[in-house]
PDB file of N, CA and C in Angstrom:
ATOM      1  N   MET A   1     -71.132  64.195  76.432  1.00  0.00           N
ATOM      2  CA  MET A   1     -71.600  62.547  76.976  1.00  0.00           C
ATOM      3  C   MET A   1     -71.835  62.003  75.186  1.00  0.00           C
ATOM      4  N   ALA A   2     -72.538  62.497  74.693  1.00  0.00           N
ATOM      5  CA  ALA A   2     -72.710  61.684  73.320  1.00  0.00           C
ATOM      6  C   ALA A   2     -71.264  61.777  72.347  1.00  0.00           C
ATOM      7  N   LEU A   3     -70.471  62.480  72.444  1.00  0.00           N
ATOM      8  CA  LEU A   3     -69.211  62.534  71.883  1.00  0.00           C
ATOM      9  C   LEU A   3     -68.404  61.730  72.634  1.00  0.00           C
ATOM     10  N   GLU A   4     -68.302  61.280  74.085  1.00  0.00           N
ATOM     11  CA  GLU A   4     -67.483  60.468  74.722  1.00  0.00           C
ATOM     12  C   GLU A   4     -67.997  59.350  74.211  1.00  0.00           C
ATOM     13  N   TRP A   5     -69.249  58.908  74.364  1.00  0.00           N
ATOM     14  CA  TRP A   5     -69.546  57.832  73.913  1.00  0.00           C
ATOM     15  C   TRP A   5     -69.248  57.144  72.348  1.00  0.00           C
ATOM     16  N   LYS A   6     -69.178  58.222  71.557  1.00  0.00           N
ATOM     17  CA  LYS A   6     -68.789  57.545  70.384  1.00  0.00           C
ATOM     18  C   LYS A   6     -67.251  57.506  70.364  1.00  0.00           C
ATOM     19  N   ASP A   7     -66.440  58.369  70.924  1.00  0.00           N
ATOM     20  CA  ASP A   7     -65.222  58.110  70.882  1.00  0.00           C
ATOM     21  C   ASP A   7     -64.814  57.055  71.513  1.00  0.00           C
ATOM     22  N   GLU A   8     -65.413  56.187  72.562  1.00  0.00           N
ATOM     23  CA  GLU A   8     -65.328  55.090  73.119  1.00  0.00           C
ATOM     24  C   GLU A   8     -66.000  53.545  72.751  1.00  0.00           C
ATOM     25  N   GLU A   9     -67.189  54.106  72.312  1.00  0.00           N
ATOM     26  CA  GLU A   9     -67.525  52.859  71.472  1.00  0.00           C
ATOM     27  C   GLU A   9     -67.531  52.832  69.982  1.00  0.00           C
ATOM     28  N   GLY A  10     -67.206  53.937  69.470  1.00  0.00           N
ATOM     29  CA  GLY A  10     -67.472  54.126  67.992  1.00  0.00           C
ATOM     30  C   GLY A  10     -68.350  53.968  67.525  1.00  0.00           C
ATOM     31  N   LYS A  11     -69.671  54.085  68.020  1.00  0.00           N
ATOM     32  CA  LYS A  11     -70.612  54.148  66.984  1.00  0.00           C
ATOM     33  C   LYS A  11     -71.844  55.530  68.159  1.00  0.00           C
ATOM     34  N   GLN A  12     -73.286  55.702  67.410  1.00  0.00           N
ATOM     35  CA  GLN A  12     -73.722  56.751  68.526  1.00  0.00           C
ATOM     36  C   GLN A  12     -74.511  56.224  69.640  1.00  0.00           C
ATOM     37  N   ILE A  13     -74.825  56.977  70.471  1.00  0.00           N
ATOM     38  CA  ILE A  13     -75.383  56.225  71.817  1.00  0.00           C
ATOM     39  C   ILE A  13     -77.257  55.448  71.187  1.00  0.00           C
ATOM     40  N   PRO A  14     -76.969  54.786  72.008  1.00  0.00           N
ATOM     41  CA  PRO A  14     -78.613  54.082  71.432  1.00  0.00           C
ATOM     42  C   PRO A  14     -79.498  54.819  71.595  1.00  0.00           C
ATOM     43  N   SER A  15     -80.802  54.817  70.884  1.00  0.00           N
ATOM     44  CA  SER A  15     -81.839  56.129  70.865  1.00  0.00           C
ATOM     45  C   SER A  15     -82.681  55.778  72.254  1.00  0.00           C
ATOM     46  N   GLY A  16     -82.688  54.264  72.647  1.00  0.00           N
ATOM     47  CA  GLY A  16     -83.569  53.856  74.159  1.00  0.00           C
ATOM     48  C   GLY A  16     -82.719  54.536  74.640  1.00  0.00           C
ATOM     49  N   LEU A  17     -81.288  54.342  75.171  1.00  0.00           N
ATOM     50  CA  LEU A  17     -80.750  54.924  76.069  1.00  0.00           C
ATOM     51  C   LEU A  17     -80.774  56.742  76.417  1.00  0.00           C
ATOM     52  N   LEU A  18     -80.726  56.823  74.902  1.00  0.00           N
ATOM     53  CA  LEU A  18     -80.943  58.476  75.226  1.00  0.00           C
ATOM     54  C   LEU A  18     -82.077  59.324  75.480  1.00  0.00           C
ATOM     55  N   ASP A  19     -83.359  58.335  74.959  1.00  0.00           N
ATOM     56  CA  ASP A  19     -84.521  58.511  75.480  1.00  0.00           C
ATOM     57  C   ASP A  19     -84.727  58.719  76.854  1.00  0.00           C
ATOM     58  N   ARG A  20     -83.870  57.331  77.667  1.00  0.00           N
ATOM     59  CA  ARG A  20     -84.379  57.449  78.866  1.00  0.00           C
ATOM     60  C   ARG A  20     -83.507  58.463  79.963  1.00  0.00           C
ATOM     61  N   LEU A  21     -82.370  59.070  79.225  1.00  0.00           N
ATOM     62  CA  LEU A  21     -81.622  59.861  79.847  1.00  0.00           C
ATOM     63  C   LEU A  21     -82.114  61.331  79.676  1.00  0.00           C
ATOM     64  N   THR A  22     -83.015  61.557  78.868  1.00  0.00           N
ATOM     65  CA  THR A  22     -83.633  62.530  78.488  1.00  0.00           C
ATOM     66  C   THR A  22     -84.658  63.217  79.047  1.00  0.00           C
ATOM     67  N   THR A  23     -85.579  62.133  79.334  1.00  0.00           N
ATOM     68  CA  THR A  23     -86.921  62.273  79.932  1.00  0.00           C
ATOM     69  C   THR A  23     -87.140  63.057  81.081  1.00  0.00           C
ATOM     70  N   ASN A  24     -88.093  63.973  80.397  1.00  0.00           N
ATOM     71  CA  ASN A  24     -88.635  65.158  81.325  1.00  0.00           C
ATOM     72  C   ASN A  24     -87.530  65.801  81.756  1.00  0.00           C
ATOM     73  N   LEU A  25     -86.705  66.107  80.739  1.00  0.00           N
ATOM     74  CA  LEU A  25     -85.349  66.828  81.350  1.00  0.00           C
ATOM     75  C   LEU A  25     -85.664  68.306  81.069  1.00  0.00           C
ATOM     76  N   PHE A  26     -86.816  68.922  80.526  1.00  0.00           N
ATOM     77  CA  PHE A  26     -87.397  69.997  80.227  1.00  0.00           C
ATOM     78  C   PHE A  26     -88.594  70.209  80.662  1.00  0.00           C
ATOM     79  N   LYS A  27     -89.171  69.281  81.222  1.00  0.00           N
ATOM     80  CA  LYS A  27     -90.756  69.477  81.974  1.00  0.00           C
ATOM     81  C   LYS A  27     -90.769  70.719  82.940  1.00  0.00           C
ATOM     82  N   ILE A  28     -91.786  71.505  82.862  1.00  0.00           N
ATOM     83  CA  ILE A  28     -92.082  72.463  84.100  1.00  0.00           C
ATOM     84  C   ILE A  28     -93.404  71.487  84.629  1.00  0.00           C
ATOM     85  N   ASP A  29     -93.561  71.375  85.920  1.00  0.00           N
ATOM     86  CA  ASP A  29     -94.580  70.747  86.398  1.00  0.00           C
ATOM     87  C   ASP A  29     -95.500  71.561  86.222  1.00  0.00           C
ATOM     88  N   ASP A  30     -95.536  72.912  86.535  1.00  0.00           N
ATOM     89  CA  ASP A  30     -96.960  73.386  86.413  1.00  0.00           C
ATOM     90  C   ASP A  30     -96.968  74.669  85.251  1.00  0.00           C
ATOM     91  N   PRO A  31     -97.482  74.576  84.615  1.00  0.00           N
ATOM     92  CA  PRO A  31     -97.363  75.363  82.955  1.00  0.00           C
ATOM     93  C   PRO A  31     -97.505  76.663  83.566  1.00  0.00           C
ATOM     94  N   GLY A  32     -98.260  76.908  84.290  1.00  0.00           N
ATOM     95  CA  GLY A  32     -98.257  78.420  84.627  1.00  0.00           C
ATOM     96  C   GLY A  32     -96.929  78.842  85.413  1.00  0.00           C
ATOM     97  N   GLU A  33     -95.939  78.287  85.348  1.00  0.00           N
ATOM     98  CA  GLU A  33     -94.833  78.721  86.382  1.00  0.00           C
ATOM     99  C   GLU A  33     -93.729  79.143  85.319  1.00  0.00           C
ATOM    100  N   GLN A  34     -93.286  80.297  85.881  1.00  0.00           N
ATOM    101  CA  GLN A  34     -92.302  80.647  85.595  1.00  0.00           C
ATOM    102  C   GLN A  34     -91.199  80.487  85.495  1.00  0.00           C
ATOM    103  N   VAL A  35     -89.985  79.996  84.349  1.00  0.00           N
ATOM    104  CA  VAL A  35     -88.858  79.800  84.727  1.00  0.00           C
ATOM    105  C   VAL A  35     -88.165  80.546  85.167  1.00  0.00           C
ATOM    106  N   ARG A  36     -87.096  80.364  86.224  1.00  0.00           N
ATOM    107  CA  ARG A  36     -86.270  81.675  86.748  1.00  0.00           C
ATOM    108  C   ARG A  36     -85.067  81.323  86.366  1.00  0.00           C
ATOM    109  N   HIS A  37     -84.346  82.455  86.181  1.00  0.00           N
ATOM    110  CA  HIS A  37     -82.949  82.454  86.254  1.00  0.00           C
ATOM    111  C   HIS A  37     -82.103  82.140  87.067  1.00  0.00           C
ATOM    112  N   PRO A  38     -81.091  81.493  87.087  1.00  0.00           N
ATOM    113  CA  PRO A  38     -80.285  81.665  88.745  1.00  0.00           C
ATOM    114  C   PRO A  38     -79.759  82.860  89.187  1.00  0.00           C
ATOM    115  N   THR A  39     -79.402  84.006  88.421  1.00  0.00           N
ATOM    116  CA  THR A  39     -79.125  85.368  88.659  1.00  0.00           C
ATOM    117  C   THR A  39     -80.449  85.865  89.713  1.00  0.00           C
ATOM    118  N   GLU A  40     -81.696  85.346  89.247  1.00  0.00           N
ATOM    119  CA  GLU A  40     -82.671  85.974  90.046  1.00  0.00           C
ATOM    120  C   GLU A  40     -82.581  85.750  91.219  1.00  0.00           C
ATOM    121  N   ASP A  41     -82.543  84.297  91.533  1.00  0.00           N
ATOM    122  CA  ASP A  41     -82.446  83.566  92.962  1.00  0.00           C
ATOM    123  C   ASP A  41     -81.208  84.255  93.642  1.00  0.00           C
ATOM    124  N   LEU A  42     -79.917  84.456  92.897  1.00  0.00           N
ATOM    125  CA  LEU A  42     -78.834  85.400  93.732  1.00  0.00           C
ATOM    126  C   LEU A  42     -79.258  86.778  94.205  1.00  0.00           C
ATOM    127  N   ALA A  43     -79.842  87.421  93.130  1.00  0.00           N
ATOM    128  CA  ALA A  43     -80.236  88.828  93.468  1.00  0.00           C
ATOM    129  C   ALA A  43     -81.310  88.734  94.668  1.00  0.00           C
ATOM    130  N   SER A  44     -82.360  87.753  94.466  1.00  0.00           N
ATOM    131  CA  SER A  44     -83.533  87.840  95.720  1.00  0.00           C
ATOM    132  C   SER A  44     -82.374  87.767  96.817  1.00  0.00           C
ATOM    133  N   ALA A  45     -81.591  86.740  96.878  1.00  0.00           N
ATOM    134  CA  ALA A  45     -81.303  86.110  98.328  1.00  0.00           C
ATOM    135  C   ALA A  45     -80.320  87.435  98.494  1.00  0.00           C
ATOM    136  N   LEU A  46     -79.445  88.003  97.647  1.00  0.00           N
ATOM    137  CA  LEU A  46     -78.629  89.292  98.245  1.00  0.00           C
ATOM    138  C   LEU A  46     -79.653  90.479  98.925  1.00  0.00           C
ATOM    139  N   LEU A  47     -80.839  90.206  97.911  1.00  0.00           N
ATOM    140  CA  LEU A  47     -81.371  91.902  98.457  1.00  0.00           C
ATOM    141  C   LEU A  47     -82.347  91.216  99.786  1.00  0.00           C
ATOM    142  N   GLY A  48     -82.801  90.377 100.164  1.00  0.00           N
ATOM    143  CA  GLY A  48     -83.407  89.818 101.133  1.00  0.00           C
ATOM    144  C   GLY A  48     -82.065  89.923 102.091  1.00  0.00           C
ATOM    145  N   ALA A  49     -81.206  89.546 102.342  1.00  0.00           N
ATOM    146  CA  ALA A  49     -80.450  89.537 103.137  1.00  0.00           C
ATOM    147  C   ALA A  49     -79.562  91.080 103.452  1.00  0.00           C
ATOM    148  N   SER A  50     -79.596  91.792 102.904  1.00  0.00           N
ATOM    149  CA  SER A  50     -79.296  93.379 102.565  1.00  0.00           C
ATOM    150  C   SER A  50     -79.896  94.337 103.501  1.00  0.00           C
ATOM    151  N   SER A  51     -79.433  94.911 104.179  1.00  0.00           N
ATOM    152  CA  SER A  51     -80.335  96.302 105.096  1.00  0.00           C
ATOM    153  C   SER A  51     -80.181  97.684 104.209  1.00  0.00           C
ATOM    154  N   ALA A  52     -79.399  97.539 103.149  1.00  0.00           N
ATOM    155  CA  ALA A  52     -79.294  98.702 102.439  1.00  0.00           C
ATOM    156  C   ALA A  52     -78.566  98.247 100.640  1.00  0.00           C
ATOM    157  N   LEU A  53     -78.713  99.048  99.660  1.00  0.00           N
ATOM    158  CA  LEU A  53     -78.490  98.588  98.521  1.00  0.00           C
ATOM    159  C   LEU A  53     -77.980 100.224  97.860  1.00  0.00           C
ATOM    160  N   LYS A  54     -76.774 100.187  97.292  1.00  0.00           N
ATOM    161  CA  LYS A  54     -76.194 100.767  96.367  1.00  0.00           C
ATOM    162  C   LYS A  54     -75.791 100.423  95.141  1.00  0.00           C
ATOM    163  N   LEU A  55     -76.448 101.322  93.897  1.00  0.00           N
ATOM    164  CA  LEU A  55     -75.978 100.793  92.240  1.00  0.00           C
ATOM    165  C   LEU A  55     -75.464 102.013  91.901  1.00  0.00           C
ATOM    166  N   GLN A  56     -74.827 101.526  91.231  1.00  0.00           N
ATOM    167  CA  GLN A  56     -74.060 102.872  90.235  1.00  0.00           C
ATOM    168  C   GLN A  56     -74.556 102.497  88.949  1.00  0.00           C
ATOM    169  N   ILE A  57     -75.841 103.343  88.321  1.00  0.00           N
ATOM    170  CA  ILE A  57     -76.504 103.450  86.866  1.00  0.00           C
ATOM    171  C   ILE A  57     -75.777 104.231  85.900  1.00  0.00           C
ATOM    172  N   PRO A  58     -74.959 103.655  84.978  1.00  0.00           N
ATOM    173  CA  PRO A  58     -74.471 104.230  84.118  1.00  0.00           C
ATOM    174  C   PRO A  58     -75.300 105.634  83.505  1.00  0.00           C
ATOM    175  N   GLY A  59     -75.136 106.671  83.583  1.00  0.00           N
ATOM    176  CA  GLY A  59     -75.690 108.385  82.821  1.00  0.00           C
ATOM    177  C   GLY A  59     -76.480 108.420  83.645  1.00  0.00           C
ATOM    178  N   VAL A  60     -76.538 108.063  85.211  1.00  0.00           N
ATOM    179  CA  VAL A  60     -77.891 108.492  85.765  1.00  0.00           C
ATOM    180  C   VAL A  60     -77.016 108.843  87.294  1.00  0.00           C
ATOM    181  N   GLY A  61     -76.152 108.000  87.736  1.00  0.00           N
ATOM    182  CA  GLY A  61     -75.263 108.002  89.117  1.00  0.00           C
ATOM    183  C   GLY A  61     -75.858 106.880  89.943  1.00  0.00           C
ATOM    184  N   GLU A  62     -75.809 107.491  91.304  1.00  0.00           N
ATOM    185  CA  GLU A  62     -75.408 106.209  92.268  1.00  0.00           C
ATOM    186  C   GLU A  62     -77.279 106.259  92.786  1.00  0.00           C
ATOM    187  N   ALA A  63     -77.634 105.008  93.232  1.00  0.00           N
ATOM    188  CA  ALA A  63     -79.134 105.066  93.726  1.00  0.00           C
ATOM    189  C   ALA A  63     -78.902 104.079  94.775  1.00  0.00           C
ATOM    190  N   SER A  64     -79.862 104.386  95.963  1.00  0.00           N
ATOM    191  CA  SER A  64     -79.505 103.829  97.104  1.00  0.00           C
ATOM    192  C   SER A  64     -80.633 103.667  97.497  1.00  0.00           C
ATOM    193  N   LEU A  65     -81.101 102.253  98.216  1.00  0.00           N
ATOM    194  CA  LEU A  65     -82.342 102.208  99.166  1.00  0.00           C
ATOM    195  C   LEU A  65     -81.985 101.249 100.423  1.00  0.00           C
ATOM    196  N   ASN A  66     -82.851 101.521 101.002  1.00  0.00           N
ATOM    197  CA  ASN A  66     -82.861 101.354 102.420  1.00  0.00           C
ATOM    198  C   ASN A  66     -83.610 100.245 102.329  1.00  0.00           C
ATOM    199  N   ARG A  67     -83.549  99.309 103.681  1.00  0.00           N
ATOM    200  CA  ARG A  67     -84.735  98.252 103.689  1.00  0.00           C
ATOM    201  C   ARG A  67     -86.129  98.200 103.157  1.00  0.00           C
ATOM    202  N   LYS A  68     -86.967  99.366 103.640  1.00  0.00           N
ATOM    203  CA  LYS A  68     -88.013  99.217 103.101  1.00  0.00           C
ATOM    204  C   LYS A  68     -87.766  99.563 101.753  1.00  0.00           C
ATOM    205  N   GLY A  69     -87.021 100.455 100.642  1.00  0.00           N
ATOM    206  CA  GLY A  69     -87.011  99.987  99.406  1.00  0.00           C
ATOM    207  C   GLY A  69     -86.615  99.154  98.878  1.00  0.00           C
ATOM    208  N   ILE A  70     -85.645  98.212  99.623  1.00  0.00           N
ATOM    209  CA  ILE A  70     -85.725  96.927  98.614  1.00  0.00           C
ATOM    210  C   ILE A  70     -86.789  96.200  99.071  1.00  0.00           C
ATOM    211  N   ARG A  71     -87.619  96.003 100.020  1.00  0.00           N
ATOM    212  CA  ARG A  71     -88.928  95.441 100.117  1.00  0.00           C
ATOM    213  C   ARG A  71     -89.849  95.961  98.624  1.00  0.00           C
ATOM    214  N   GLU A  72     -90.078  97.108  98.634  1.00  0.00           N
ATOM    215  CA  GLU A  72     -90.585  97.705  97.468  1.00  0.00           C
ATOM    216  C   GLU A  72     -90.165  97.213  96.306  1.00  0.00           C
ATOM    217  N   PHE A  73     -89.182  97.250  96.078  1.00  0.00           N
ATOM    218  CA  PHE A  73     -88.395  96.956  94.970  1.00  0.00           C
ATOM    219  C   PHE A  73     -88.773  95.644  94.520  1.00  0.00           C
ATOM    220  N   GLN A  74     -88.623  94.857  95.674  1.00  0.00           N
ATOM    221  CA  GLN A  74     -88.336  93.367  95.369  1.00  0.00           C
ATOM    222  C   GLN A  74     -89.871  92.838  95.077  1.00  0.00           C
ATOM    223  N   LYS A  75     -91.167  93.913  95.688  1.00  0.00           N
ATOM    224  CA  LYS A  75     -92.986  93.308  95.552  1.00  0.00           C
ATOM    225  C   LYS A  75     -92.967  93.813  94.194  1.00  0.00           C
ATOM    226  N   THR A  76     -92.288  95.045  93.455  1.00  0.00           N
ATOM    227  CA  THR A  76     -92.708  95.221  92.289  1.00  0.00           C
ATOM    228  C   THR A  76     -91.773  94.585  91.455  1.00  0.00           C
ATOM    229  N   ALA A  77     -90.700  93.925  91.436  1.00  0.00           N
ATOM    230  CA  ALA A  77     -90.313  93.055  90.308  1.00  0.00           C
ATOM    231  C   ALA A  77     -91.236  91.779  90.243  1.00  0.00           C
ATOM    232  N   GLU A  78     -91.437  91.214  91.514  1.00  0.00           N
ATOM    233  CA  GLU A  78     -92.468  89.883  91.422  1.00  0.00           C
ATOM    234  C   GLU A  78     -93.505  90.335  90.781  1.00  0.00           C
ATOM    235  N   GLU A  79     -94.239  91.390  90.720  1.00  0.00           N
ATOM    236  CA  GLU A  79     -95.616  92.050  89.963  1.00  0.00           C
ATOM    237  C   GLU A  79     -95.223  92.014  88.639  1.00  0.00           C
ATOM    238  N   ASN A  80     -94.373  92.195  88.212  1.00  0.00           N
ATOM    239  CA  ASN A  80     -93.674  92.435  86.661  1.00  0.00           C
ATOM    240  C   ASN A  80     -93.471  90.854  86.322  1.00  0.00           C
ATOM    241  N   ASN A  81     -92.933  89.867  87.145  1.00  0.00           N
ATOM    242  CA  ASN A  81     -92.504  88.867  86.475  1.00  0.00           C
ATOM    243  C   ASN A  81     -93.394  87.696  87.346  1.00  0.00           C
ATOM    244  N   PRO A  82     -94.640  87.714  86.925  1.00  0.00           N
ATOM    245  CA  PRO A  82     -95.314  86.834  87.618  1.00  0.00           C
ATOM    246  C   PRO A  82     -95.236  85.272  87.686  1.00  0.00           C
TER     247      PRO A  82
END
């Protein structure tokens, strides 16, 4: 956006406008809240909807989890990433 502004207007974005557009851009409401990556949400949704999970682990082989194993895996993951 800043480059387009400069191309079209021939000058930098006014600091007042830039401040207004970026206010609270990276603010976290709860300081204790962990920032989550979108892949974590995707993995959680997939695991929650799955009845079984098979993973190919390089150097180890294949690992299979049933619904109970998936719940235990999710619980462990949540405990390790509060």
